[in-house]
Amino acid sequence: MNYIKQKVEVVDEKKLEPSTTKKVQRILRAIYITLYKATLQAIARFLNFLVLAWLSFYYIAESIVRNFTPRALSTLKSLRGKTILVTGGAGGVGQELVLKLIKYKAKVVVWDINEKAIAKLNEKVAEEGFKLYPYVVDLADRESVYKTAEKVKDEVGPIDVLINNAGVVCGQTFLELPDYMIERTYKVNTLSCYWVNRLTNINLTLVCPYFINSGMFEGCKPHHAPMLEPKDVAKRIILAIRREEDYCTVPGNAGYILAMKQYLPAKLTWLWQHRIIRLPQAMKTMRQFSEVQAA
């Protein structure tokens, strides 16, 4: 009996040895995999840091060179032969953009809701010996935008430069605005930009101008600086496009004011706007718009 018992115990110990070895192997394998993944993650973080550091240095240097290089020495992108789409291009700043762009030998496509104004502009361009590609489009109508965009691609070709110039403004407070004007303002000023940009897939230059003397802000009386003339704004926009700027304020010193605004208390910003810049007072004298006014 003792022999049998001892024999059984010996057999059990031999059966346990492979199981223990496998457990050790699994533990070692898990440790190895963990260390391997941690090493790869550390290497990836280090490489990402190097790339981030290099790109940060490059972009800062690029910005310094671009902003402080005299315009006479800076390289400007050629617009010759480019297909340029200007929304709201039949009047105001849009019209000035069109009249300047055609002189750069660009193929200019104009979208506007005002059929008479766009026909008049087409005649004016033809008299100067240039060709225009005019289309009557309601930017508040998404389907109209999509259909016209496809038509432009077939008749003119792909768009190289898009200028989202069309806009709607009302000389009333938010509480005074009728519902249909709120909806139209968002459709034209915001949603249409998404609809058009989705069809072009081009880089962005954000232009932030002061009050423009184009009829859009008729009756508005700024207190510290006169309104900008459409010709001057159009000239600056074209320069920003040719320099491939990401952000452009007109006039240029307004950019410093906007940057400072981000670091000031909200109430202090409003106080300055009300007491120094007197922006709300200037807007109160603006004509009450009953119809859509394009930029």
C-alpha atoms as a PDB file:
ATOM      1  CA  MET A   1       0.000   0.000   0.000  1.00  0.00           C
ATOM      2  CA  ASN A   2       2.848   2.348   0.819  1.00  0.00           C
ATOM      3  CA  TYR A   3       4.464   1.579  -2.499  1.00  0.00           C
ATOM      4  CA  ILE A   4       1.273   2.278  -4.399  1.00  0.00           C
ATOM      5  CA  LYS A   5       0.744   5.558  -2.577  1.00  0.00           C
ATOM      6  CA  GLN A   6       4.291   6.665  -3.217  1.00  0.00           C
ATOM      7  CA  LYS A   7       4.009   5.667  -6.855  1.00  0.00           C
ATOM      8  CA  VAL A   8       0.870   7.725  -7.299  1.00  0.00           C
ATOM      9  CA  GLU A   9       2.529  10.764  -5.736  1.00  0.00           C
ATOM     10  CA  VAL A  10       5.533  10.465  -8.057  1.00  0.00           C
ATOM     11  CA  VAL A  11       3.274  10.283 -11.094  1.00  0.00           C
ATOM     12  CA  ASP A  12       1.330  13.369  -9.914  1.00  0.00           C
ATOM     13  CA  GLU A  13       4.559  15.393  -9.551  1.00  0.00           C
ATOM     14  CA  LYS A  14       5.604  14.500 -13.094  1.00  0.00           C
ATOM     15  CA  LYS A  15       2.207  15.588 -14.380  1.00  0.00           C
ATOM     16  CA  LEU A  16       2.544  18.958 -12.626  1.00  0.00           C
ATOM     17  CA  GLU A  17       5.968  19.825 -14.119  1.00  0.00           C
ATOM     18  CA  PRO A  18       4.819  20.604 -17.705  1.00  0.00           C
ATOM     19  CA  SER A  19       1.880  22.658 -16.413  1.00  0.00           C
ATOM     20  CA  THR A  20       4.158  24.808 -14.253  1.00  0.00           C
ATOM     21  CA  THR A  21       6.553  25.340 -17.146  1.00  0.00           C
ATOM     22  CA  LYS A  22       3.735  26.528 -19.399  1.00  0.00           C
ATOM     23  CA  LYS A  23       2.573  28.997 -16.770  1.00  0.00           C
ATOM     24  CA  VAL A  24       6.067  30.436 -16.481  1.00  0.00           C
ATOM     25  CA  GLN A  25       6.298  30.672 -20.260  1.00  0.00           C
ATOM     26  CA  ARG A  26       2.988  32.493 -20.459  1.00  0.00           C
ATOM     27  CA  ILE A  27       4.075  34.954 -17.770  1.00  0.00           C
ATOM     28  CA  LEU A  28       7.388  35.624 -19.515  1.00  0.00           C
ATOM     29  CA  ARG A  29       5.630  36.016 -22.843  1.00  0.00           C
ATOM     30  CA  ALA A  30       3.184  38.531 -21.334  1.00  0.00           C
ATOM     31  CA  ILE A  31       6.061  40.501 -19.797  1.00  0.00           C
ATOM     32  CA  TYR A  32       7.900  40.505 -23.134  1.00  0.00           C
ATOM     33  CA  ILE A  33       4.832  41.699 -25.054  1.00  0.00           C
ATOM     34  CA  THR A  34       4.187  44.439 -22.483  1.00  0.00           C
ATOM     35  CA  LEU A  35       7.786  45.666 -22.635  1.00  0.00           C
ATOM     36  CA  TYR A  36       7.748  45.482 -26.442  1.00  0.00           C
ATOM     37  CA  LYS A  37       4.581  47.572 -26.702  1.00  0.00           C
ATOM     38  CA  ALA A  38       5.849  50.069 -24.128  1.00  0.00           C
ATOM     39  CA  THR A  39       9.102  50.443 -26.077  1.00  0.00           C
ATOM     40  CA  LEU A  40       7.247  51.012 -29.336  1.00  0.00           C
ATOM     41  CA  GLN A  41       4.987  53.595 -27.686  1.00  0.00           C
ATOM     42  CA  ALA A  42       7.998  55.401 -26.209  1.00  0.00           C
ATOM     43  CA  ILE A  43       9.708  55.483 -29.611  1.00  0.00           C
ATOM     44  CA  ALA A  44       6.501  56.719 -31.271  1.00  0.00           C
ATOM     45  CA  ARG A  45       6.108  59.490 -28.676  1.00  0.00           C
ATOM     46  CA  PHE A  46       9.722  60.556 -29.139  1.00  0.00           C
ATOM     47  CA  LEU A  47       9.418  60.622 -32.929  1.00  0.00           C
ATOM     48  CA  ASN A  48       6.142  62.522 -32.650  1.00  0.00           C
ATOM     49  CA  PHE A  49       7.848  65.059 -30.380  1.00  0.00           C
ATOM     50  CA  LEU A  50      10.654  65.525 -32.908  1.00  0.00           C
ATOM     51  CA  VAL A  51       8.175  66.022 -35.754  1.00  0.00           C
ATOM     52  CA  LEU A  52       6.094  68.445 -33.667  1.00  0.00           C
ATOM     53  CA  ALA A  53       9.182  70.430 -32.634  1.00  0.00           C
ATOM     54  CA  TRP A  54      10.438  70.655 -36.216  1.00  0.00           C
ATOM     55  CA  LEU A  55       7.057  71.647 -37.673  1.00  0.00           C
ATOM     56  CA  SER A  56       6.530  74.220 -34.906  1.00  0.00           C
ATOM     57  CA  PHE A  57       9.875  75.813 -35.708  1.00  0.00           C
ATOM     58  CA  TYR A  58       9.180  75.663 -39.454  1.00  0.00           C
ATOM     59  CA  TYR A  59       5.697  77.198 -39.232  1.00  0.00           C
ATOM     60  CA  ILE A  60       6.855  79.991 -36.914  1.00  0.00           C
ATOM     61  CA  ALA A  61       9.759  80.787 -39.241  1.00  0.00           C
ATOM     62  CA  GLU A  62       7.448  80.647 -42.262  1.00  0.00           C
ATOM     63  CA  SER A  63       5.006  83.048 -40.593  1.00  0.00           C
ATOM     64  CA  ILE A  64       7.790  85.497 -39.693  1.00  0.00           C
ATOM     65  CA  VAL A  65       9.177  85.444 -43.228  1.00  0.00           C
ATOM     66  CA  ARG A  66       5.725  85.822 -44.793  1.00  0.00           C
ATOM     67  CA  ASN A  67       4.611  88.691 -42.531  1.00  0.00           C
ATOM     68  CA  PHE A  68       7.837  90.693 -42.470  1.00  0.00           C
ATOM     69  CA  THR A  69       9.066  90.243 -46.034  1.00  0.00           C
ATOM     70  CA  PRO A  70       8.445  93.426 -48.064  1.00  0.00           C
ATOM     71  CA  ARG A  71       5.668  92.936 -50.592  1.00  0.00           C
ATOM     72  CA  ALA A  72       8.031  93.895 -53.400  1.00  0.00           C
ATOM     73  CA  LEU A  73      10.217  90.886 -52.539  1.00  0.00           C
ATOM     74  CA  SER A  74       7.493  88.352 -51.728  1.00  0.00           C
ATOM     75  CA  THR A  75       6.501  85.671 -54.223  1.00  0.00           C
ATOM     76  CA  LEU A  76       2.899  85.960 -55.357  1.00  0.00           C
ATOM     77  CA  LYS A  77       0.845  83.107 -56.771  1.00  0.00           C
ATOM     78  CA  SER A  78      -0.138  83.573 -60.393  1.00  0.00           C
ATOM     79  CA  LEU A  79      -3.859  83.707 -61.141  1.00  0.00           C
ATOM     80  CA  ARG A  80      -3.433  83.440 -64.900  1.00  0.00           C
ATOM     81  CA  GLY A  81      -5.628  80.686 -66.315  1.00  0.00           C
ATOM     82  CA  LYS A  82      -7.088  79.862 -62.890  1.00  0.00           C
ATOM     83  CA  THR A  83     -10.812  79.228 -62.614  1.00  0.00           C
ATOM     84  CA  ILE A  84     -12.096  81.512 -59.858  1.00  0.00           C
ATOM     85  CA  LEU A  85     -15.632  81.374 -58.467  1.00  0.00           C
ATOM     86  CA  VAL A  86     -16.982  84.531 -56.804  1.00  0.00           C
ATOM     87  CA  THR A  87     -20.301  84.194 -54.975  1.00  0.00           C
ATOM     88  CA  GLY A  88     -22.364  87.363 -54.706  1.00  0.00           C
ATOM     89  CA  GLY A  89     -20.200  88.734 -57.495  1.00  0.00           C
ATOM     90  CA  ALA A  90     -22.703  91.047 -59.198  1.00  0.00           C
ATOM     91  CA  GLY A  91     -22.376  93.986 -56.813  1.00  0.00           C
ATOM     92  CA  GLY A  92     -20.290  95.692 -54.143  1.00  0.00           C
ATOM     93  CA  VAL A  93     -17.022  94.007 -53.228  1.00  0.00           C
ATOM     94  CA  GLY A  94     -17.909  90.995 -55.371  1.00  0.00           C
ATOM     95  CA  GLN A  95     -18.162  93.111 -58.503  1.00  0.00           C
ATOM     96  CA  GLU A  96     -14.854  94.829 -57.763  1.00  0.00           C
ATOM     97  CA  LEU A  97     -13.238  91.425 -57.295  1.00  0.00           C
ATOM     98  CA  VAL A  98     -14.556  90.270 -60.661  1.00  0.00           C
ATOM     99  CA  LEU A  99     -13.360  93.395 -62.482  1.00  0.00           C
ATOM    100  CA  LYS A 100      -9.884  93.020 -61.000  1.00  0.00           C
ATOM    101  CA  LEU A 101      -9.599  89.248 -61.434  1.00  0.00           C
ATOM    102  CA  ILE A 102     -10.374  89.277 -65.155  1.00  0.00           C
ATOM    103  CA  LYS A 103      -7.350  91.540 -65.642  1.00  0.00           C
ATOM    104  CA  TYR A 104      -5.187  88.770 -64.195  1.00  0.00           C
ATOM    105  CA  LYS A 105      -6.310  86.610 -67.161  1.00  0.00           C
ATOM    106  CA  ALA A 106      -8.307  84.337 -64.852  1.00  0.00           C
ATOM    107  CA  LYS A 107     -11.489  82.511 -65.838  1.00  0.00           C
ATOM    108  CA  VAL A 108     -14.012  84.146 -63.524  1.00  0.00           C
ATOM    109  CA  VAL A 109     -17.260  82.407 -62.605  1.00  0.00           C
ATOM    110  CA  VAL A 110     -19.906  84.585 -60.941  1.00  0.00           C
ATOM    111  CA  TRP A 111     -22.792  83.341 -58.819  1.00  0.00           C
ATOM    112  CA  ASP A 112     -25.484  85.791 -57.777  1.00  0.00           C
ATOM    113  CA  ILE A 113     -29.202  85.786 -57.056  1.00  0.00           C
ATOM    114  CA  ASN A 114     -29.741  89.149 -58.788  1.00  0.00           C
ATOM    115  CA  GLU A 115     -30.369  88.278 -62.445  1.00  0.00           C
ATOM    116  CA  LYS A 116     -30.427  91.889 -63.681  1.00  0.00           C
ATOM    117  CA  ALA A 117     -27.217  92.825 -61.866  1.00  0.00           C
ATOM    118  CA  ILE A 118     -25.378  89.772 -63.140  1.00  0.00           C
ATOM    119  CA  ALA A 119     -26.494  90.478 -66.731  1.00  0.00           C
ATOM    120  CA  LYS A 120     -25.316  94.086 -66.418  1.00  0.00           C
ATOM    121  CA  LEU A 121     -21.939  92.947 -65.088  1.00  0.00           C
ATOM    122  CA  ASN A 122     -21.596  90.459 -67.939  1.00  0.00           C
ATOM    123  CA  GLU A 123     -22.148  93.264 -70.463  1.00  0.00           C
ATOM    124  CA  LYS A 124     -19.584  95.464 -68.720  1.00  0.00           C
ATOM    125  CA  VAL A 125     -16.964  92.707 -68.747  1.00  0.00           C
ATOM    126  CA  ALA A 126     -17.663  91.959 -72.419  1.00  0.00           C
ATOM    127  CA  GLU A 127     -17.177  95.645 -73.285  1.00  0.00           C
ATOM    128  CA  GLU A 128     -13.693  95.455 -71.768  1.00  0.00           C
ATOM    129  CA  GLY A 129     -12.884  92.485 -73.982  1.00  0.00           C
ATOM    130  CA  PHE A 130     -13.076  89.724 -71.375  1.00  0.00           C
ATOM    131  CA  LYS A 131     -15.299  86.681 -70.945  1.00  0.00           C
ATOM    132  CA  LEU A 132     -17.365  86.024 -67.852  1.00  0.00           C
ATOM    133  CA  TYR A 133     -19.155  82.857 -66.745  1.00  0.00           C
ATOM    134  CA  PRO A 134     -22.318  84.114 -64.995  1.00  0.00           C
ATOM    135  CA  TYR A 135     -24.837  81.890 -63.193  1.00  0.00           C
ATOM    136  CA  VAL A 136     -27.996  82.875 -61.346  1.00  0.00           C
ATOM    137  CA  VAL A 137     -27.941  80.930 -58.067  1.00  0.00           C
ATOM    138  CA  ASP A 138     -29.840  81.128 -54.796  1.00  0.00           C
ATOM    139  CA  LEU A 139     -27.205  80.178 -52.237  1.00  0.00           C
ATOM    140  CA  ALA A 140     -29.912  79.549 -49.655  1.00  0.00           C
ATOM    141  CA  ASP A 141     -31.113  76.637 -51.805  1.00  0.00           C
ATOM    142  CA  ARG A 142     -28.776  73.672 -51.332  1.00  0.00           C
ATOM    143  CA  GLU A 143     -30.022  71.786 -54.384  1.00  0.00           C
ATOM    144  CA  SER A 144     -29.561  74.883 -56.530  1.00  0.00           C
ATOM    145  CA  VAL A 145     -25.957  75.130 -55.321  1.00  0.00           C
ATOM    146  CA  TYR A 146     -25.238  71.469 -56.077  1.00  0.00           C
ATOM    147  CA  LYS A 147     -26.817  71.569 -59.548  1.00  0.00           C
ATOM    148  CA  THR A 148     -25.047  74.779 -60.523  1.00  0.00           C
ATOM    149  CA  ALA A 149     -21.723  73.451 -59.234  1.00  0.00           C
ATOM    150  CA  GLU A 150     -22.030  70.392 -61.472  1.00  0.00           C
ATOM    151  CA  LYS A 151     -22.971  72.648 -64.370  1.00  0.00           C
ATOM    152  CA  VAL A 152     -19.868  74.776 -63.787  1.00  0.00           C
ATOM    153  CA  LYS A 153     -17.648  71.687 -63.735  1.00  0.00           C
ATOM    154  CA  ASP A 154     -19.060  70.557 -67.082  1.00  0.00           C
ATOM    155  CA  GLU A 155     -19.023  73.960 -68.802  1.00  0.00           C
ATOM    156  CA  VAL A 156     -15.968  75.655 -67.279  1.00  0.00           C
ATOM    157  CA  GLY A 157     -13.963  73.035 -65.402  1.00  0.00           C
ATOM    158  CA  PRO A 158     -12.858  72.441 -61.810  1.00  0.00           C
ATOM    159  CA  ILE A 159     -12.635  75.450 -59.493  1.00  0.00           C
ATOM    160  CA  ASP A 160      -9.132  76.564 -58.456  1.00  0.00           C
ATOM    161  CA  VAL A 161     -10.073  79.506 -56.223  1.00  0.00           C
ATOM    162  CA  LEU A 162     -13.358  80.046 -54.390  1.00  0.00           C
ATOM    163  CA  ILE A 163     -14.302  83.442 -52.937  1.00  0.00           C
ATOM    164  CA  ASN A 164     -17.292  83.136 -50.592  1.00  0.00           C
ATOM    165  CA  ASN A 165     -18.320  86.777 -50.856  1.00  0.00           C
ATOM    166  CA  ALA A 166     -22.131  86.550 -50.771  1.00  0.00           C
ATOM    167  CA  GLY A 167     -23.751  87.622 -47.544  1.00  0.00           C
ATOM    168  CA  VAL A 168     -26.956  88.813 -45.922  1.00  0.00           C
ATOM    169  CA  VAL A 169     -27.280  91.453 -43.214  1.00  0.00           C
ATOM    170  CA  CYS A 170     -30.228  93.083 -41.435  1.00  0.00           C
ATOM    171  CA  GLY A 171     -30.208  96.340 -39.508  1.00  0.00           C
ATOM    172  CA  GLN A 172     -32.288  94.941 -36.681  1.00  0.00           C
ATOM    173  CA  THR A 173     -31.640  93.292 -33.352  1.00  0.00           C
ATOM    174  CA  PHE A 174     -32.034  89.551 -33.003  1.00  0.00           C
ATOM    175  CA  LEU A 175     -35.365  89.930 -31.198  1.00  0.00           C
ATOM    176  CA  GLU A 176     -36.721  92.160 -33.968  1.00  0.00           C
ATOM    177  CA  LEU A 177     -35.730  89.891 -36.845  1.00  0.00           C
ATOM    178  CA  PRO A 178     -38.506  87.859 -38.495  1.00  0.00           C
ATOM    179  CA  ASP A 179     -37.979  84.110 -38.573  1.00  0.00           C
ATOM    180  CA  TYR A 180     -37.535  83.912 -42.334  1.00  0.00           C
ATOM    181  CA  MET A 181     -34.632  86.405 -42.225  1.00  0.00           C
ATOM    182  CA  ILE A 182     -32.899  84.474 -39.451  1.00  0.00           C
ATOM    183  CA  GLU A 183     -33.161  81.308 -41.527  1.00  0.00           C
ATOM    184  CA  ARG A 184     -31.998  83.026 -44.706  1.00  0.00           C
ATOM    185  CA  THR A 185     -29.075  84.703 -42.957  1.00  0.00           C
ATOM    186  CA  TYR A 186     -27.757  81.367 -41.723  1.00  0.00           C
ATOM    187  CA  LYS A 187     -28.364  79.650 -45.052  1.00  0.00           C
ATOM    188  CA  VAL A 188     -26.531  82.292 -47.085  1.00  0.00           C
ATOM    189  CA  ASN A 189     -23.827  83.374 -44.623  1.00  0.00           C
ATOM    190  CA  THR A 190     -22.989  80.000 -43.088  1.00  0.00           C
ATOM    191  CA  LEU A 191     -24.546  76.916 -44.637  1.00  0.00           C
ATOM    192  CA  SER A 192     -23.854  77.920 -48.240  1.00  0.00           C
ATOM    193  CA  CYS A 193     -20.134  78.086 -47.426  1.00  0.00           C
ATOM    194  CA  TYR A 194     -20.253  74.421 -46.411  1.00  0.00           C
ATOM    195  CA  TRP A 195     -22.256  73.444 -49.488  1.00  0.00           C
ATOM    196  CA  VAL A 196     -19.880  75.189 -51.892  1.00  0.00           C
ATOM    197  CA  ASN A 197     -16.664  74.193 -50.092  1.00  0.00           C
ATOM    198  CA  ARG A 198     -17.625  70.514 -50.152  1.00  0.00           C
ATOM    199  CA  LEU A 199     -17.645  70.697 -53.937  1.00  0.00           C
ATOM    200  CA  THR A 200     -14.294  72.431 -54.335  1.00  0.00           C
ATOM    201  CA  ASN A 201     -11.966  71.048 -51.627  1.00  0.00           C
ATOM    202  CA  ILE A 202      -9.598  74.025 -51.589  1.00  0.00           C
ATOM    203  CA  ASN A 203      -7.550  75.773 -48.921  1.00  0.00           C
ATOM    204  CA  LEU A 204      -9.021  78.630 -46.907  1.00  0.00           C
ATOM    205  CA  THR A 205      -8.152  82.303 -46.542  1.00  0.00           C
ATOM    206  CA  LEU A 206     -10.326  83.978 -43.904  1.00  0.00           C
ATOM    207  CA  VAL A 207     -10.964  87.675 -44.616  1.00  0.00           C
ATOM    208  CA  CYS A 208     -12.331  89.892 -41.825  1.00  0.00           C
ATOM    209  CA  PRO A 209     -13.106  93.405 -43.116  1.00  0.00           C
ATOM    210  CA  TYR A 210     -14.386  96.514 -41.358  1.00  0.00           C
ATOM    211  CA  PHE A 211     -17.608  98.241 -42.512  1.00  0.00           C
ATOM    212  CA  ILE A 212     -17.664  98.412 -46.323  1.00  0.00           C
ATOM    213  CA  ASN A 213     -19.281 101.248 -48.240  1.00  0.00           C
ATOM    214  CA  SER A 214     -21.122  98.921 -50.614  1.00  0.00           C
ATOM    215  CA  GLY A 215     -24.757  99.550 -49.706  1.00  0.00           C
ATOM    216  CA  MET A 216     -24.828  96.555 -47.409  1.00  0.00           C
ATOM    217  CA  PHE A 217     -24.411  98.802 -44.364  1.00  0.00           C
ATOM    218  CA  GLU A 218     -26.336 101.784 -45.693  1.00  0.00           C
ATOM    219  CA  GLY A 219     -27.127 104.239 -42.920  1.00  0.00           C
ATOM    220  CA  CYS A 220     -24.414 102.867 -40.641  1.00  0.00           C
ATOM    221  CA  LYS A 221     -22.216 105.648 -39.227  1.00  0.00           C
ATOM    222  CA  PRO A 222     -18.863 104.494 -37.788  1.00  0.00           C
ATOM    223  CA  HIS A 223     -17.434 106.959 -35.269  1.00  0.00           C
ATOM    224  CA  HIS A 224     -13.655 106.453 -35.412  1.00  0.00           C
ATOM    225  CA  ALA A 225     -12.820 105.366 -38.953  1.00  0.00           C
ATOM    226  CA  PRO A 226     -14.525 105.860 -42.312  1.00  0.00           C
ATOM    227  CA  MET A 227     -16.039 102.936 -44.159  1.00  0.00           C
ATOM    228  CA  LEU A 228     -13.774 100.932 -46.438  1.00  0.00           C
ATOM    229  CA  GLU A 229     -14.192 101.331 -50.181  1.00  0.00           C
ATOM    230  CA  PRO A 230     -15.043  98.143 -52.125  1.00  0.00           C
ATOM    231  CA  LYS A 231     -12.098  98.662 -54.507  1.00  0.00           C
ATOM    232  CA  ASP A 232      -9.613  98.746 -51.629  1.00  0.00           C
ATOM    233  CA  VAL A 233     -11.121  95.666 -49.977  1.00  0.00           C
ATOM    234  CA  ALA A 234     -11.109  93.746 -53.271  1.00  0.00           C
ATOM    235  CA  LYS A 235      -7.469  94.666 -53.854  1.00  0.00           C
ATOM    236  CA  ARG A 236      -6.486  93.412 -50.384  1.00  0.00           C
ATOM    237  CA  ILE A 237      -8.450  90.173 -50.810  1.00  0.00           C
ATOM    238  CA  ILE A 238      -6.699  89.388 -54.093  1.00  0.00           C
ATOM    239  CA  LEU A 239      -3.325  90.084 -52.483  1.00  0.00           C
ATOM    240  CA  ALA A 240      -4.197  87.708 -49.625  1.00  0.00           C
ATOM    241  CA  ILE A 241      -5.116  85.008 -52.144  1.00  0.00           C
ATOM    242  CA  ARG A 242      -1.902  85.491 -54.114  1.00  0.00           C
ATOM    243  CA  ARG A 243       0.181  85.397 -50.929  1.00  0.00           C
ATOM    244  CA  GLU A 244      -1.788  82.338 -49.745  1.00  0.00           C
ATOM    245  CA  GLU A 245      -2.521  83.933 -46.391  1.00  0.00           C
ATOM    246  CA  ASP A 246      -4.583  81.983 -43.881  1.00  0.00           C
ATOM    247  CA  TYR A 247      -6.020  85.036 -42.139  1.00  0.00           C
ATOM    248  CA  CYS A 248      -6.479  88.592 -43.330  1.00  0.00           C
ATOM    249  CA  THR A 249      -8.010  91.619 -41.588  1.00  0.00           C
ATOM    250  CA  VAL A 250      -8.919  94.825 -43.407  1.00  0.00           C
ATOM    251  CA  PRO A 251      -7.490  97.182 -42.252  1.00  0.00           C
ATOM    252  CA  GLY A 252      -4.460  95.230 -41.081  1.00  0.00           C
ATOM    253  CA  ASN A 253      -4.252  96.767 -37.594  1.00  0.00           C
ATOM    254  CA  ALA A 254      -7.678  95.307 -36.782  1.00  0.00           C
ATOM    255  CA  GLY A 255      -5.952  91.950 -36.412  1.00  0.00           C
ATOM    256  CA  TYR A 256      -4.168  93.141 -33.271  1.00  0.00           C
ATOM    257  CA  ILE A 257      -7.459  94.297 -31.770  1.00  0.00           C
ATOM    258  CA  LEU A 258      -9.097  90.938 -32.455  1.00  0.00           C
ATOM    259  CA  ALA A 259      -6.126  89.091 -30.959  1.00  0.00           C
ATOM    260  CA  MET A 260      -6.200  91.258 -27.831  1.00  0.00           C
ATOM    261  CA  LYS A 261      -9.919  90.629 -27.474  1.00  0.00           C
ATOM    262  CA  GLN A 262      -9.315  86.939 -26.726  1.00  0.00           C
ATOM    263  CA  TYR A 263      -7.370  87.781 -23.558  1.00  0.00           C
ATOM    264  CA  LEU A 264      -9.669  90.445 -22.135  1.00  0.00           C
ATOM    265  CA  PRO A 265     -12.677  89.853 -19.869  1.00  0.00           C
ATOM    266  CA  ALA A 266     -15.904  89.665 -21.846  1.00  0.00           C
ATOM    267  CA  LYS A 267     -17.463  92.598 -19.975  1.00  0.00           C
ATOM    268  CA  LEU A 268     -14.406  94.765 -20.569  1.00  0.00           C
ATOM    269  CA  THR A 269     -14.498  93.944 -24.283  1.00  0.00           C
ATOM    270  CA  TRP A 270     -18.137  94.963 -24.454  1.00  0.00           C
ATOM    271  CA  LEU A 271     -17.387  98.181 -22.533  1.00  0.00           C
ATOM    272  CA  TRP A 272     -14.666  99.143 -25.014  1.00  0.00           C
ATOM    273  CA  GLN A 273     -16.925  98.368 -27.975  1.00  0.00           C
ATOM    274  CA  HIS A 274     -19.699 100.478 -26.484  1.00  0.00           C
ATOM    275  CA  ARG A 275     -17.707 103.420 -25.081  1.00  0.00           C
ATOM    276  CA  ILE A 276     -14.617 103.659 -27.314  1.00  0.00           C
ATOM    277  CA  ILE A 277     -15.294 101.974 -30.652  1.00  0.00           C
ATOM    278  CA  ARG A 278     -19.028 102.691 -30.300  1.00  0.00           C
ATOM    279  CA  LEU A 279     -19.926  99.786 -32.538  1.00  0.00           C
ATOM    280  CA  PRO A 280     -23.509  99.285 -31.278  1.00  0.00           C
ATOM    281  CA  GLN A 281     -24.298 102.978 -31.799  1.00  0.00           C
ATOM    282  CA  ALA A 282     -22.977 102.797 -35.363  1.00  0.00           C
ATOM    283  CA  MET A 283     -25.187  99.806 -36.132  1.00  0.00           C
ATOM    284  CA  LYS A 284     -28.313 101.467 -34.723  1.00  0.00           C
ATOM    285  CA  THR A 285     -28.316 104.050 -37.515  1.00  0.00           C
ATOM    286  CA  MET A 286     -28.233 101.332 -40.151  1.00  0.00           C
ATOM    287  CA  ARG A 287     -31.154 101.167 -42.561  1.00  0.00           C
ATOM    288  CA  GLN A 288     -33.745  98.521 -41.726  1.00  0.00           C
ATOM    289  CA  PHE A 289     -33.476  95.866 -44.415  1.00  0.00           C
ATOM    290  CA  SER A 290     -36.663  94.302 -45.703  1.00  0.00           C
ATOM    291  CA  GLU A 291     -35.015  92.391 -48.543  1.00  0.00           C
ATOM    292  CA  VAL A 292     -31.799  90.448 -48.971  1.00  0.00           C
ATOM    293  CA  GLN A 293     -28.803  92.695 -49.577  1.00  0.00           C
ATOM    294  CA  ALA A 294     -25.745  91.080 -51.163  1.00  0.00           C
ATOM    295  CA  ALA A 295     -22.244  92.222 -50.285  1.00  0.00           C
END
